[in-house]
Amino acid sequence: MAKTTTTAAGRPAADAASAKSRRAAAGARPELDAADDEAAGGASSYLVPGLERGLRILSEFSAREPVLSAPELSKRIGIPRTTTFRLLQTLEALGFIERANGDRHFRLGIGVLRLGFEYLNSLELTDLGAPVLERLRDAAGLSTHLLIRDRRDVVFVAKAQSNASMFGSVKVHVGTRLPAHATVHGHVLMGDLTRDAMRQLYPEKRLEAFTEHTPATVDELYERVRHYARLGYALSEGAFESGISAVTAPVRDHSGSIVAAITATVPRSEIGAVDEKERLVELVCGAAVDLSQRLNYRPLDGDPTVAHARHKVALF
């Protein structure tokens, strides 16, 4: 007796094929057939095996098992070792895993962290940051922005636009990218990086120059980043783009790590008198601390951004 196969929905495959033939005879459209087949056979028919296996490999890593060998992953996923190695090489090339403890051991790479940050930023950071940016805009009378760092770029992820006519020439939109090494936004966002980490990020001997103010080497960049980290904010007057000034301060999460920056943009080459600078620094630092606390950051004693948010500052 012939064996009858059954679909995921529990009806005989012959019935499903017969139904498909009847639809074809009736002139049904192929894309509708595909939709019906998905409903009958489940979404598994639309899975891409290679992608599925790659994602399953990433899912095997955890806090308890941060490092896994290629043979172990092959065994867990249930695929040949040669296939596993090809998948691992692809994931490594894209930055989602990196080698650890020898050629056959791997751990998650920065690419996974970057995806995680983008997801959290889209749900939490921008949602929590929007009212903070709006209050800062209203208090300062300036356009305000929230930025994150994506490797060697800074990315504008949220903004509160001033309605003042003088801001019509300031063309900064959500999604705009700028070079991190050439902007004070990037210098603030790199405040947690060690010198070695910065050298890995910028292996070249000379950094690309955008203006005369751009750091020329990694060591020069590192010293500038450390200066702003000690200061608790950064102030730029036409240093990256003529006619544009800015004050930028770091936003930290519950771990104390810098996850974003808040900036207020001044559409002229100079911010103004010392008292104007002091007030703007206080406002921007206050907004950065406000958002940090919404991300469950508990300021440590001596946090310079917090100090500037509470008291008048001495500009250097």
C-alpha atoms as a PDB file:
ATOM      1  CA  MET A   1       0.000   0.000   0.000  1.00  0.00           C
ATOM      2  CA  ALA A   2       1.417   3.399  -0.971  1.00  0.00           C
ATOM      3  CA  LYS A   3       2.325   5.742   1.859  1.00  0.00           C
ATOM      4  CA  THR A   4       0.306   8.967   2.042  1.00  0.00           C
ATOM      5  CA  THR A   5       2.245  12.083   3.025  1.00  0.00           C
ATOM      6  CA  THR A   6       0.623  14.795   5.103  1.00  0.00           C
ATOM      7  CA  THR A   7       1.115  18.562   5.102  1.00  0.00           C
ATOM      8  CA  ALA A   8       1.839  20.610   8.264  1.00  0.00           C
ATOM      9  CA  ALA A   9      -1.836  21.506   8.374  1.00  0.00           C
ATOM     10  CA  GLY A  10      -2.742  17.817   8.589  1.00  0.00           C
ATOM     11  CA  ARG A  11      -4.370  17.193   5.169  1.00  0.00           C
ATOM     12  CA  PRO A  12      -2.987  14.754   2.603  1.00  0.00           C
ATOM     13  CA  ALA A  13      -0.457  16.179   0.166  1.00  0.00           C
ATOM     14  CA  ALA A  14      -2.467  14.743  -2.718  1.00  0.00           C
ATOM     15  CA  ASP A  15      -5.436  16.888  -1.694  1.00  0.00           C
ATOM     16  CA  ALA A  16      -3.238  19.973  -1.586  1.00  0.00           C
ATOM     17  CA  ALA A  17      -1.854  19.218  -5.054  1.00  0.00           C
ATOM     18  CA  SER A  18      -5.349  18.603  -6.381  1.00  0.00           C
ATOM     19  CA  ALA A  19      -6.550  21.896  -4.965  1.00  0.00           C
ATOM     20  CA  LYS A  20      -3.626  23.675  -6.598  1.00  0.00           C
ATOM     21  CA  SER A  21      -4.456  22.073  -9.965  1.00  0.00           C
ATOM     22  CA  ARG A  22      -8.066  23.192  -9.682  1.00  0.00           C
ATOM     23  CA  ARG A  23      -6.974  26.752  -8.942  1.00  0.00           C
ATOM     24  CA  ALA A  24      -4.654  26.731 -11.951  1.00  0.00           C
ATOM     25  CA  ALA A  25      -7.445  25.462 -14.194  1.00  0.00           C
ATOM     26  CA  ALA A  26      -9.640  28.258 -12.948  1.00  0.00           C
ATOM     27  CA  GLY A  27      -6.982  30.855 -13.844  1.00  0.00           C
ATOM     28  CA  ALA A  28      -5.836  31.655 -10.310  1.00  0.00           C
ATOM     29  CA  ARG A  29      -2.832  33.965 -10.009  1.00  0.00           C
ATOM     30  CA  PRO A  30       0.510  32.316  -9.032  1.00  0.00           C
ATOM     31  CA  GLU A  31       1.187  34.774  -6.196  1.00  0.00           C
ATOM     32  CA  LEU A  32      -2.165  33.894  -4.651  1.00  0.00           C
ATOM     33  CA  ASP A  33      -1.300  30.222  -5.037  1.00  0.00           C
ATOM     34  CA  ALA A  34       1.894  30.868  -3.104  1.00  0.00           C
ATOM     35  CA  ALA A  35      -0.025  32.599  -0.333  1.00  0.00           C
ATOM     36  CA  ASP A  36      -2.456  29.681  -0.135  1.00  0.00           C
ATOM     37  CA  ASP A  37       0.397  27.187  -0.114  1.00  0.00           C
ATOM     38  CA  GLU A  38       1.984  29.058   2.790  1.00  0.00           C
ATOM     39  CA  ALA A  39      -1.242  28.859   4.737  1.00  0.00           C
ATOM     40  CA  ALA A  40      -1.492  25.150   3.963  1.00  0.00           C
ATOM     41  CA  GLY A  41       2.104  24.170   4.519  1.00  0.00           C
ATOM     42  CA  GLY A  42       3.259  26.742   7.067  1.00  0.00           C
ATOM     43  CA  ALA A  43       5.823  29.517   6.725  1.00  0.00           C
ATOM     44  CA  SER A  44       8.715  27.025   6.699  1.00  0.00           C
ATOM     45  CA  SER A  45       8.600  26.878   2.888  1.00  0.00           C
ATOM     46  CA  TYR A  46       9.774  30.505   2.837  1.00  0.00           C
ATOM     47  CA  LEU A  47      12.811  30.014   5.084  1.00  0.00           C
ATOM     48  CA  VAL A  48      16.266  30.549   3.587  1.00  0.00           C
ATOM     49  CA  PRO A  49      18.368  27.655   4.931  1.00  0.00           C
ATOM     50  CA  GLY A  50      21.692  29.496   4.911  1.00  0.00           C
ATOM     51  CA  LEU A  51      20.283  32.521   6.712  1.00  0.00           C
ATOM     52  CA  GLU A  52      18.478  30.326   9.219  1.00  0.00           C
ATOM     53  CA  ARG A  53      21.659  28.420  10.025  1.00  0.00           C
ATOM     54  CA  GLY A  54      23.684  31.595  10.401  1.00  0.00           C
ATOM     55  CA  LEU A  55      21.182  33.076  12.830  1.00  0.00           C
ATOM     56  CA  ARG A  56      21.029  29.810  14.762  1.00  0.00           C
ATOM     57  CA  ILE A  57      24.802  29.947  15.138  1.00  0.00           C
ATOM     58  CA  LEU A  58      24.572  33.462  16.595  1.00  0.00           C
ATOM     59  CA  SER A  59      21.823  32.316  18.959  1.00  0.00           C
ATOM     60  CA  GLU A  60      24.056  29.620  20.460  1.00  0.00           C
ATOM     61  CA  PHE A  61      26.316  32.208  22.118  1.00  0.00           C
ATOM     62  CA  SER A  62      25.277  33.415  25.562  1.00  0.00           C
ATOM     63  CA  ALA A  63      26.640  34.973  28.743  1.00  0.00           C
ATOM     64  CA  ARG A  64      27.207  31.456  30.070  1.00  0.00           C
ATOM     65  CA  GLU A  65      28.923  30.329  26.870  1.00  0.00           C
ATOM     66  CA  PRO A  66      30.521  33.405  25.279  1.00  0.00           C
ATOM     67  CA  VAL A  67      33.111  31.342  23.369  1.00  0.00           C
ATOM     68  CA  LEU A  68      32.291  28.290  21.238  1.00  0.00           C
ATOM     69  CA  SER A  69      34.334  26.138  18.870  1.00  0.00           C
ATOM     70  CA  ALA A  70      33.454  25.436  15.266  1.00  0.00           C
ATOM     71  CA  PRO A  71      33.082  21.668  15.861  1.00  0.00           C
ATOM     72  CA  GLU A  72      30.771  22.301  18.812  1.00  0.00           C
ATOM     73  CA  LEU A  73      28.609  24.651  16.752  1.00  0.00           C
ATOM     74  CA  SER A  74      28.489  22.095  13.944  1.00  0.00           C
ATOM     75  CA  LYS A  75      27.267  19.478  16.395  1.00  0.00           C
ATOM     76  CA  ARG A  76      24.638  21.735  17.972  1.00  0.00           C
ATOM     77  CA  ILE A  77      23.200  23.001  14.706  1.00  0.00           C
ATOM     78  CA  GLY A  78      23.375  19.577  13.116  1.00  0.00           C
ATOM     79  CA  ILE A  79      25.170  20.561   9.921  1.00  0.00           C
ATOM     80  CA  PRO A  80      28.466  19.410   8.346  1.00  0.00           C
ATOM     81  CA  ARG A  81      31.659  21.003   9.604  1.00  0.00           C
ATOM     82  CA  THR A  82      32.547  22.354   6.170  1.00  0.00           C
ATOM     83  CA  THR A  83      29.195  24.158   6.018  1.00  0.00           C
ATOM     84  CA  THR A  84      29.720  25.456   9.544  1.00  0.00           C
ATOM     85  CA  PHE A  85      33.133  26.862   8.661  1.00  0.00           C
ATOM     86  CA  ARG A  86      31.745  28.652   5.604  1.00  0.00           C
ATOM     87  CA  LEU A  87      28.971  30.196   7.686  1.00  0.00           C
ATOM     88  CA  LEU A  88      31.445  31.242  10.376  1.00  0.00           C
ATOM     89  CA  GLN A  89      33.737  32.848   7.806  1.00  0.00           C
ATOM     90  CA  THR A  90      30.798  34.794   6.383  1.00  0.00           C
ATOM     91  CA  LEU A  91      29.674  35.978   9.829  1.00  0.00           C
ATOM     92  CA  GLU A  92      33.260  36.919  10.675  1.00  0.00           C
ATOM     93  CA  ALA A  93      33.674  38.926   7.473  1.00  0.00           C
ATOM     94  CA  LEU A  94      30.513  40.884   8.339  1.00  0.00           C
ATOM     95  CA  GLY A  95      31.678  41.557  11.891  1.00  0.00           C
ATOM     96  CA  PHE A  96      29.038  39.471  13.660  1.00  0.00           C
ATOM     97  CA  ILE A  97      31.571  37.076  15.203  1.00  0.00           C
ATOM     98  CA  GLU A  98      35.308  37.190  15.856  1.00  0.00           C
ATOM     99  CA  ARG A  99      37.971  34.628  16.655  1.00  0.00           C
ATOM    100  CA  ALA A 100      38.893  33.917  20.273  1.00  0.00           C
ATOM    101  CA  ASN A 101      41.347  31.540  21.942  1.00  0.00           C
ATOM    102  CA  GLY A 102      42.608  30.118  18.680  1.00  0.00           C
ATOM    103  CA  ASP A 103      41.450  29.618  15.130  1.00  0.00           C
ATOM    104  CA  ARG A 104      38.606  27.224  15.946  1.00  0.00           C
ATOM    105  CA  HIS A 105      36.947  29.265  18.689  1.00  0.00           C
ATOM    106  CA  PHE A 106      34.619  32.204  18.180  1.00  0.00           C
ATOM    107  CA  ARG A 107      32.677  34.822  20.116  1.00  0.00           C
ATOM    108  CA  LEU A 108      30.114  37.445  19.176  1.00  0.00           C
ATOM    109  CA  GLY A 109      31.490  40.483  17.381  1.00  0.00           C
ATOM    110  CA  ILE A 110      30.706  44.187  17.393  1.00  0.00           C
ATOM    111  CA  GLY A 111      28.203  43.737  14.563  1.00  0.00           C
ATOM    112  CA  VAL A 112      25.782  42.003  16.919  1.00  0.00           C
ATOM    113  CA  LEU A 113      26.221  44.755  19.492  1.00  0.00           C
ATOM    114  CA  ARG A 114      25.597  47.371  16.825  1.00  0.00           C
ATOM    115  CA  LEU A 115      22.331  45.709  15.828  1.00  0.00           C
ATOM    116  CA  GLY A 116      21.309  45.511  19.459  1.00  0.00           C
ATOM    117  CA  PHE A 117      22.066  49.179  19.988  1.00  0.00           C
ATOM    118  CA  GLU A 118      20.099  50.139  16.897  1.00  0.00           C
ATOM    119  CA  TYR A 119      17.106  48.171  18.150  1.00  0.00           C
ATOM    120  CA  LEU A 120      17.265  49.657  21.639  1.00  0.00           C
ATOM    121  CA  ASN A 121      17.821  53.116  20.257  1.00  0.00           C
ATOM    122  CA  SER A 122      14.783  52.793  18.029  1.00  0.00           C
ATOM    123  CA  LEU A 123      12.569  51.760  20.927  1.00  0.00           C
ATOM    124  CA  GLU A 124      13.946  53.448  24.004  1.00  0.00           C
ATOM    125  CA  LEU A 125      16.569  56.079  23.340  1.00  0.00           C
ATOM    126  CA  THR A 126      14.700  58.066  20.721  1.00  0.00           C
ATOM    127  CA  ASP A 127      11.352  57.729  22.496  1.00  0.00           C
ATOM    128  CA  LEU A 128      12.798  58.910  25.790  1.00  0.00           C
ATOM    129  CA  GLY A 129      14.965  61.508  24.090  1.00  0.00           C
ATOM    130  CA  ALA A 130      12.247  63.269  22.084  1.00  0.00           C
ATOM    131  CA  PRO A 131      10.708  65.271  24.970  1.00  0.00           C
ATOM    132  CA  VAL A 132      14.182  66.079  26.299  1.00  0.00           C
ATOM    133  CA  LEU A 133      15.205  67.502  22.921  1.00  0.00           C
ATOM    134  CA  GLU A 134      12.001  69.519  22.717  1.00  0.00           C
ATOM    135  CA  ARG A 135      12.495  71.057  26.158  1.00  0.00           C
ATOM    136  CA  LEU A 136      16.103  71.900  25.322  1.00  0.00           C
ATOM    137  CA  ARG A 137      15.011  73.475  22.032  1.00  0.00           C
ATOM    138  CA  ASP A 138      12.409  75.610  23.791  1.00  0.00           C
ATOM    139  CA  ALA A 139      14.806  76.679  26.544  1.00  0.00           C
ATOM    140  CA  ALA A 140      17.729  77.469  24.250  1.00  0.00           C
ATOM    141  CA  GLY A 141      15.805  78.665  21.194  1.00  0.00           C
ATOM    142  CA  LEU A 142      17.987  76.394  19.053  1.00  0.00           C
ATOM    143  CA  SER A 143      17.604  73.221  17.031  1.00  0.00           C
ATOM    144  CA  THR A 144      18.642  70.184  19.056  1.00  0.00           C
ATOM    145  CA  HIS A 145      19.710  66.676  18.051  1.00  0.00           C
ATOM    146  CA  LEU A 146      20.380  63.239  19.465  1.00  0.00           C
ATOM    147  CA  LEU A 147      23.309  61.301  18.001  1.00  0.00           C
ATOM    148  CA  ILE A 148      24.875  57.872  18.281  1.00  0.00           C
ATOM    149  CA  ARG A 149      28.169  56.498  16.982  1.00  0.00           C
ATOM    150  CA  ASP A 150      28.283  53.783  14.335  1.00  0.00           C
ATOM    151  CA  ARG A 151      31.937  52.800  14.209  1.00  0.00           C
ATOM    152  CA  ARG A 152      33.683  55.713  12.444  1.00  0.00           C
ATOM    153  CA  ASP A 153      30.539  57.791  11.883  1.00  0.00           C
ATOM    154  CA  VAL A 154      28.153  59.746  14.051  1.00  0.00           C
ATOM    155  CA  VAL A 155      24.494  59.361  13.123  1.00  0.00           C
ATOM    156  CA  PHE A 156      21.705  61.826  13.889  1.00  0.00           C
ATOM    157  CA  VAL A 157      18.806  59.709  15.205  1.00  0.00           C
ATOM    158  CA  ALA A 158      16.363  62.354  16.487  1.00  0.00           C
ATOM    159  CA  LYS A 159      15.872  66.108  16.329  1.00  0.00           C
ATOM    160  CA  ALA A 160      13.739  68.963  17.583  1.00  0.00           C
ATOM    161  CA  GLN A 161      13.798  71.672  14.930  1.00  0.00           C
ATOM    162  CA  SER A 162      13.646  75.343  15.803  1.00  0.00           C
ATOM    163  CA  ASN A 163      11.126  77.339  13.796  1.00  0.00           C
ATOM    164  CA  ALA A 164      13.404  80.371  13.665  1.00  0.00           C
ATOM    165  CA  SER A 165      14.119  81.428  10.080  1.00  0.00           C
ATOM    166  CA  MET A 166      17.873  81.460  10.659  1.00  0.00           C
ATOM    167  CA  PHE A 167      17.827  77.652  10.915  1.00  0.00           C
ATOM    168  CA  GLY A 168      16.631  77.260   7.331  1.00  0.00           C
ATOM    169  CA  SER A 169      20.229  76.934   6.149  1.00  0.00           C
ATOM    170  CA  VAL A 170      21.097  74.195   8.657  1.00  0.00           C
ATOM    171  CA  LYS A 171      20.562  70.979   6.702  1.00  0.00           C
ATOM    172  CA  VAL A 172      20.803  68.210   9.289  1.00  0.00           C
ATOM    173  CA  HIS A 173      18.235  65.436   9.085  1.00  0.00           C
ATOM    174  CA  VAL A 174      17.627  62.215  10.955  1.00  0.00           C
ATOM    175  CA  GLY A 175      19.969  59.679   9.371  1.00  0.00           C
ATOM    176  CA  THR A 176      22.663  62.234   8.513  1.00  0.00           C
ATOM    177  CA  ARG A 177      26.163  60.825   9.020  1.00  0.00           C
ATOM    178  CA  LEU A 178      29.332  62.749   9.798  1.00  0.00           C
ATOM    179  CA  PRO A 179      32.910  61.532  10.364  1.00  0.00           C
ATOM    180  CA  ALA A 180      33.386  60.892  14.075  1.00  0.00           C
ATOM    181  CA  HIS A 181      37.058  61.871  14.174  1.00  0.00           C
ATOM    182  CA  ALA A 182      36.402  65.300  12.630  1.00  0.00           C
ATOM    183  CA  THR A 183      33.465  66.457  14.788  1.00  0.00           C
ATOM    184  CA  VAL A 184      33.035  67.285  18.450  1.00  0.00           C
ATOM    185  CA  HIS A 185      30.000  65.000  18.405  1.00  0.00           C
ATOM    186  CA  GLY A 186      32.288  62.087  17.609  1.00  0.00           C
ATOM    187  CA  HIS A 187      34.866  63.207  20.154  1.00  0.00           C
ATOM    188  CA  VAL A 188      32.205  63.130  22.860  1.00  0.00           C
ATOM    189  CA  LEU A 189      30.810  59.770  21.730  1.00  0.00           C
ATOM    190  CA  MET A 190      34.288  58.204  21.767  1.00  0.00           C
ATOM    191  CA  GLY A 191      34.857  59.279  25.359  1.00  0.00           C
ATOM    192  CA  ASP A 192      34.929  55.682  26.639  1.00  0.00           C
ATOM    193  CA  LEU A 193      37.458  54.374  24.111  1.00  0.00           C
ATOM    194  CA  THR A 194      40.963  53.400  25.146  1.00  0.00           C
ATOM    195  CA  ARG A 195      43.926  54.415  23.037  1.00  0.00           C
ATOM    196  CA  ASP A 196      44.279  50.839  21.756  1.00  0.00           C
ATOM    197  CA  ALA A 197      40.599  50.653  20.826  1.00  0.00           C
ATOM    198  CA  MET A 198      40.928  53.925  18.955  1.00  0.00           C
ATOM    199  CA  ARG A 199      43.955  52.648  17.068  1.00  0.00           C
ATOM    200  CA  GLN A 200      41.994  49.572  16.031  1.00  0.00           C
ATOM    201  CA  LEU A 201      39.202  51.837  14.813  1.00  0.00           C
ATOM    202  CA  TYR A 202      41.667  54.062  12.927  1.00  0.00           C
ATOM    203  CA  PRO A 203      44.622  51.906  11.797  1.00  0.00           C
ATOM    204  CA  GLU A 204      45.837  54.478   9.251  1.00  0.00           C
ATOM    205  CA  LYS A 205      48.824  56.714  10.056  1.00  0.00           C
ATOM    206  CA  ARG A 206      47.094  59.937   9.019  1.00  0.00           C
ATOM    207  CA  LEU A 207      43.425  60.756   9.499  1.00  0.00           C
ATOM    208  CA  GLU A 208      41.409  62.314   6.708  1.00  0.00           C
ATOM    209  CA  ALA A 209      41.422  66.096   7.067  1.00  0.00           C
ATOM    210  CA  PHE A 210      38.161  67.988   6.653  1.00  0.00           C
ATOM    211  CA  THR A 211      39.292  71.331   8.070  1.00  0.00           C
ATOM    212  CA  GLU A 212      42.412  72.706   9.693  1.00  0.00           C
ATOM    213  CA  HIS A 213      40.884  71.715  13.037  1.00  0.00           C
ATOM    214  CA  THR A 214      40.668  67.981  12.223  1.00  0.00           C
ATOM    215  CA  PRO A 215      43.039  65.833  14.327  1.00  0.00           C
ATOM    216  CA  ALA A 216      45.839  64.584  12.097  1.00  0.00           C
ATOM    217  CA  THR A 217      46.732  61.377  13.949  1.00  0.00           C
ATOM    218  CA  VAL A 218      45.098  58.869  16.267  1.00  0.00           C
ATOM    219  CA  ASP A 219      47.205  60.113  19.173  1.00  0.00           C
ATOM    220  CA  GLU A 220      46.047  63.673  18.556  1.00  0.00           C
ATOM    221  CA  LEU A 221      42.455  62.468  18.310  1.00  0.00           C
ATOM    222  CA  TYR A 222      42.787  60.500  21.539  1.00  0.00           C
ATOM    223  CA  GLU A 223      44.128  63.499  23.446  1.00  0.00           C
ATOM    224  CA  ARG A 224      41.261  65.655  22.222  1.00  0.00           C
ATOM    225  CA  VAL A 225      38.713  62.993  23.154  1.00  0.00           C
ATOM    226  CA  ARG A 226      40.223  62.707  26.638  1.00  0.00           C
ATOM    227  CA  HIS A 227      40.113  66.491  27.042  1.00  0.00           C
ATOM    228  CA  TYR A 228      36.398  66.594  26.311  1.00  0.00           C
ATOM    229  CA  ALA A 229      35.813  63.562  28.539  1.00  0.00           C
ATOM    230  CA  ARG A 230      37.438  65.389  31.454  1.00  0.00           C
ATOM    231  CA  LEU A 231      35.508  68.536  30.611  1.00  0.00           C
ATOM    232  CA  GLY A 232      32.143  66.767  30.420  1.00  0.00           C
ATOM    233  CA  TYR A 233      31.062  68.415  27.160  1.00  0.00           C
ATOM    234  CA  ALA A 234      32.484  69.770  23.906  1.00  0.00           C
ATOM    235  CA  LEU A 235      32.085  73.189  22.335  1.00  0.00           C
ATOM    236  CA  SER A 236      32.784  73.880  18.683  1.00  0.00           C
ATOM    237  CA  GLU A 237      32.699  77.252  16.939  1.00  0.00           C
ATOM    238  CA  GLY A 238      32.903  76.711  13.188  1.00  0.00           C
ATOM    239  CA  ALA A 239      35.453  73.907  13.635  1.00  0.00           C
ATOM    240  CA  PHE A 240      33.821  71.437  11.224  1.00  0.00           C
ATOM    241  CA  GLU A 241      31.541  73.618   9.126  1.00  0.00           C
ATOM    242  CA  SER A 242      31.917  77.365   8.827  1.00  0.00           C
ATOM    243  CA  GLY A 243      28.921  79.241  10.106  1.00  0.00           C
ATOM    244  CA  ILE A 244      27.872  76.414  12.435  1.00  0.00           C
ATOM    245  CA  SER A 245      28.670  76.103  16.141  1.00  0.00           C
ATOM    246  CA  ALA A 246      27.543  73.496  18.640  1.00  0.00           C
ATOM    247  CA  VAL A 247      27.632  72.348  22.240  1.00  0.00           C
ATOM    248  CA  THR A 248      27.525  68.579  22.743  1.00  0.00           C
ATOM    249  CA  ALA A 249      27.329  66.453  25.905  1.00  0.00           C
ATOM    250  CA  PRO A 250      27.369  62.673  26.494  1.00  0.00           C
ATOM    251  CA  VAL A 251      24.371  60.510  27.382  1.00  0.00           C
ATOM    252  CA  ARG A 252      25.078  57.439  29.532  1.00  0.00           C
ATOM    253  CA  ASP A 253      23.078  54.300  30.252  1.00  0.00           C
ATOM    254  CA  HIS A 254      22.649  52.231  33.414  1.00  0.00           C
ATOM    255  CA  SER A 255      26.178  50.823  33.079  1.00  0.00           C
ATOM    256  CA  GLY A 256      27.742  54.271  32.845  1.00  0.00           C
ATOM    257  CA  SER A 257      28.713  53.775  29.206  1.00  0.00           C
ATOM    258  CA  ILE A 258      28.287  56.556  26.656  1.00  0.00           C
ATOM    259  CA  VAL A 259      25.445  55.503  24.341  1.00  0.00           C
ATOM    260  CA  ALA A 260      24.516  58.811  22.722  1.00  0.00           C
ATOM    261  CA  ALA A 261      25.117  62.543  22.711  1.00  0.00           C
ATOM    262  CA  ILE A 262      22.843  65.564  22.812  1.00  0.00           C
ATOM    263  CA  THR A 263      23.778  68.681  20.893  1.00  0.00           C
ATOM    264  CA  ALA A 264      22.393  72.167  20.368  1.00  0.00           C
ATOM    265  CA  THR A 265      23.250  73.851  17.068  1.00  0.00           C
ATOM    266  CA  VAL A 266      24.007  77.552  16.726  1.00  0.00           C
ATOM    267  CA  PRO A 267      23.727  78.801  13.103  1.00  0.00           C
ATOM    268  CA  ARG A 268      26.726  81.114  13.234  1.00  0.00           C
ATOM    269  CA  SER A 269      30.504  80.831  13.571  1.00  0.00           C
ATOM    270  CA  GLU A 270      30.553  82.009  17.178  1.00  0.00           C
ATOM    271  CA  ILE A 271      28.160  81.216  19.981  1.00  0.00           C
ATOM    272  CA  GLY A 272      28.457  84.606  21.605  1.00  0.00           C
ATOM    273  CA  ALA A 273      29.655  86.129  24.844  1.00  0.00           C
ATOM    274  CA  VAL A 274      30.947  84.031  27.726  1.00  0.00           C
ATOM    275  CA  ASP A 275      27.654  84.197  29.603  1.00  0.00           C
ATOM    276  CA  GLU A 276      25.813  82.919  26.521  1.00  0.00           C
ATOM    277  CA  LYS A 277      28.235  80.004  26.267  1.00  0.00           C
ATOM    278  CA  GLU A 278      27.878  79.234  29.952  1.00  0.00           C
ATOM    279  CA  ARG A 279      24.096  79.183  29.749  1.00  0.00           C
ATOM    280  CA  LEU A 280      24.090  76.947  26.668  1.00  0.00           C
ATOM    281  CA  VAL A 281      26.583  74.532  28.243  1.00  0.00           C
ATOM    282  CA  GLU A 282      24.392  74.310  31.345  1.00  0.00           C
ATOM    283  CA  LEU A 283      21.281  73.642  29.278  1.00  0.00           C
ATOM    284  CA  VAL A 284      22.877  70.984  27.058  1.00  0.00           C
ATOM    285  CA  CYS A 285      24.575  69.221  29.968  1.00  0.00           C
ATOM    286  CA  GLY A 286      21.313  69.353  31.901  1.00  0.00           C
ATOM    287  CA  ALA A 287      19.462  67.731  29.005  1.00  0.00           C
ATOM    288  CA  ALA A 288      22.143  65.040  28.672  1.00  0.00           C
ATOM    289  CA  VAL A 289      21.939  64.232  32.379  1.00  0.00           C
ATOM    290  CA  ASP A 290      18.135  64.197  32.201  1.00  0.00           C
ATOM    291  CA  LEU A 291      18.154  61.617  29.407  1.00  0.00           C
ATOM    292  CA  SER A 292      20.908  59.617  31.113  1.00  0.00           C
ATOM    293  CA  GLN A 293      18.809  59.345  34.250  1.00  0.00           C
ATOM    294  CA  ARG A 294      15.841  58.204  32.162  1.00  0.00           C
ATOM    295  CA  LEU A 295      18.150  55.409  30.980  1.00  0.00           C
ATOM    296  CA  ASN A 296      18.747  54.527  34.654  1.00  0.00           C
ATOM    297  CA  TYR A 297      22.188  56.112  34.869  1.00  0.00           C
ATOM    298  CA  ARG A 298      23.245  56.857  38.423  1.00  0.00           C
ATOM    299  CA  PRO A 299      25.858  59.624  38.303  1.00  0.00           C
ATOM    300  CA  LEU A 300      29.149  59.007  40.048  1.00  0.00           C
ATOM    301  CA  ASP A 301      30.817  61.622  42.204  1.00  0.00           C
ATOM    302  CA  GLY A 302      32.871  63.920  40.054  1.00  0.00           C
ATOM    303  CA  ASP A 303      30.903  63.402  36.841  1.00  0.00           C
ATOM    304  CA  PRO A 304      31.786  66.653  35.021  1.00  0.00           C
ATOM    305  CA  THR A 305      28.644  66.691  32.881  1.00  0.00           C
ATOM    306  CA  VAL A 306      26.498  66.581  36.011  1.00  0.00           C
ATOM    307  CA  ALA A 307      28.584  69.331  37.598  1.00  0.00           C
ATOM    308  CA  HIS A 308      28.097  71.612  34.595  1.00  0.00           C
ATOM    309  CA  ALA A 309      24.384  70.928  34.595  1.00  0.00           C
ATOM    310  CA  ARG A 310      24.093  72.193  38.158  1.00  0.00           C
ATOM    311  CA  HIS A 311      26.576  75.028  38.358  1.00  0.00           C
ATOM    312  CA  LYS A 312      28.109  77.785  36.295  1.00  0.00           C
ATOM    313  CA  VAL A 313      31.084  76.533  34.307  1.00  0.00           C
ATOM    314  CA  ALA A 314      34.522  77.894  33.653  1.00  0.00           C
ATOM    315  CA  LEU A 315      35.214  77.791  29.927  1.00  0.00           C
ATOM    316  CA  PHE A 316      38.706  76.879  28.754  1.00  0.00           C
END
